[in-house]
């Protein structure tokens, strides 16, 4: 990852997990922990007008290999809370100097 461009931060909301009648229940905190050294890029947006008016918005996030990110985390970005879509992926660089984690954030509105 180009370190000079990795200047953004997100607020990570990590859930606590409890079990209720055999089901895992995740409770997300109101405030979280700041994760820095990121690049946040617009990835995708579209409207869905089937049975309701809604939009989906996605961002791709490039993070340092040491960033503490899990699939069940949520992140606050520009006033909205996004969920991690899919797995957090590791992208090695040929030299090892620019390794990074890549993940997608998604939010539905409407």
Protein backbone atom coordinates (compact mmCIF):
# COMPACT_ATOMS: atom_id res chain seq x y z
CA UNK A 1 0.00 0.00 0.00
CA UNK A 2 1.27 3.48 -0.75
CA UNK A 3 1.83 4.78 2.76
CA UNK A 4 1.72 8.45 1.72
CA UNK A 5 -1.90 8.01 0.56
CA UNK A 6 -3.04 5.99 3.59
CA UNK A 7 -4.20 8.92 5.72
CA UNK A 8 -7.81 8.10 6.48
CA UNK A 9 -9.29 6.70 9.68
CA UNK A 10 -12.48 4.81 10.48
CA UNK A 11 -14.20 4.12 13.77
CA UNK A 12 -14.38 0.36 14.32
CA UNK A 13 -17.41 -1.00 16.19
CA UNK A 14 -16.61 -4.50 17.46
CA UNK A 15 -19.54 -6.47 18.87
CA UNK A 16 -19.75 -8.43 22.06
CA UNK A 17 -21.28 -11.86 21.61
CA UNK A 18 -23.74 -13.62 23.90
CA UNK A 19 -25.80 -16.76 23.50
CA UNK A 20 -29.58 -16.67 23.71
CA UNK A 21 -31.34 -20.06 23.47
CA UNK A 22 -28.48 -21.48 21.40
CA UNK A 23 -28.25 -18.48 19.03
CA UNK A 24 -25.30 -16.11 18.93
CA UNK A 25 -26.41 -12.52 19.49
CA UNK A 26 -24.07 -9.65 18.60
CA UNK A 27 -24.40 -6.31 20.38
CA UNK A 28 -22.55 -3.38 18.82
CA UNK A 29 -21.24 -0.48 20.94
CA UNK A 30 -22.26 3.14 20.38
CA UNK A 31 -18.63 4.30 20.20
CA UNK A 32 -15.64 2.36 18.99
CA UNK A 33 -11.91 2.37 18.37
CA UNK A 34 -10.15 4.43 15.69
CA UNK A 35 -8.30 2.44 13.02
CA UNK A 36 -5.91 4.61 11.00
CA UNK A 37 -3.52 4.38 8.08
CA UNK A 38 -6.32 3.50 5.65
CA UNK A 39 -7.31 4.25 2.09
CA UNK A 40 -11.11 4.39 1.60
CA UNK A 41 -12.27 4.31 -2.03
CA UNK A 42 -15.81 4.48 -3.48
CA UNK A 43 -16.60 1.11 -5.01
CA UNK A 44 -20.27 0.74 -5.91
CA UNK A 45 -23.70 2.30 -5.49
CA UNK A 46 -27.11 1.52 -6.94
CA UNK A 47 -30.82 2.02 -6.35
CA UNK A 48 -33.22 -0.84 -5.70
CA UNK A 49 -36.87 0.00 -6.44
CA UNK A 50 -38.31 -3.51 -6.03
CA UNK A 51 -41.01 -3.24 -3.35
CA UNK A 52 -39.27 -0.21 -1.81
CA UNK A 53 -36.93 2.63 -2.65
CA UNK A 54 -33.47 1.80 -1.33
CA UNK A 55 -29.83 2.36 -2.17
CA UNK A 56 -26.77 0.24 -1.49
CA UNK A 57 -23.36 1.88 -1.15
CA UNK A 58 -19.99 0.15 -0.95
CA UNK A 59 -16.45 1.30 -0.25
CA UNK A 60 -13.20 -0.64 -0.65
CA UNK A 61 -10.78 -0.19 2.24
CA UNK A 62 -7.03 -0.81 2.03
CA UNK A 63 -5.50 -1.31 5.48
CA UNK A 64 -2.07 -2.10 6.89
CA UNK A 65 -1.41 -5.82 7.43
CA UNK A 66 -1.35 -5.20 11.18
CA UNK A 67 -4.80 -3.56 11.33
CA UNK A 68 -7.18 -5.39 13.66
CA UNK A 69 -10.19 -6.02 11.41
CA UNK A 70 -12.68 -8.91 11.61
CA UNK A 71 -15.59 -9.94 9.38
CA UNK A 72 -18.19 -9.13 12.03
CA UNK A 73 -16.90 -5.60 12.66
CA UNK A 74 -18.82 -2.52 11.63
CA UNK A 75 -17.26 0.83 10.78
CA UNK A 76 -18.52 4.40 11.04
CA UNK A 77 -17.58 6.51 8.00
CA UNK A 78 -18.89 10.00 7.27
CA UNK A 79 -21.74 9.62 9.75
CA UNK A 80 -23.03 6.22 8.57
CA UNK A 81 -22.39 2.76 9.98
CA UNK A 82 -21.21 0.19 7.41
CA UNK A 83 -20.81 -3.55 7.78
CA UNK A 84 -17.88 -5.57 6.47
CA UNK A 85 -19.07 -7.49 3.41
CA UNK A 86 -17.46 -10.93 3.07
CA UNK A 87 -14.02 -11.82 4.35
CA UNK A 88 -11.09 -9.56 5.11
CA UNK A 89 -8.51 -10.46 2.46
CA UNK A 90 -4.73 -10.28 2.65
CA UNK A 91 -2.94 -8.91 -0.41
CA UNK A 92 0.79 -9.66 -0.37
CA UNK A 93 3.14 -7.52 -2.39
CA UNK A 94 5.97 -8.99 -4.47
CA UNK A 95 8.56 -7.29 -2.25
CA UNK A 96 6.78 -7.70 1.08
CA UNK A 97 7.10 -3.97 1.69
CA UNK A 98 3.56 -3.03 0.61
CA UNK A 99 1.44 -5.87 2.02
CA UNK A 100 -2.12 -4.86 2.84
CA UNK A 101 -5.51 -6.06 3.97
CA UNK A 102 -8.49 -5.38 1.70
CA UNK A 103 -12.13 -5.38 2.69
CA UNK A 104 -15.45 -3.98 1.48
CA UNK A 105 -17.86 -1.90 3.54
CA UNK A 106 -21.57 -1.84 2.67
CA UNK A 107 -24.66 0.00 3.85
CA UNK A 108 -28.31 -0.17 2.71
CA UNK A 109 -30.41 3.01 3.04
CA UNK A 110 -34.15 3.31 2.64
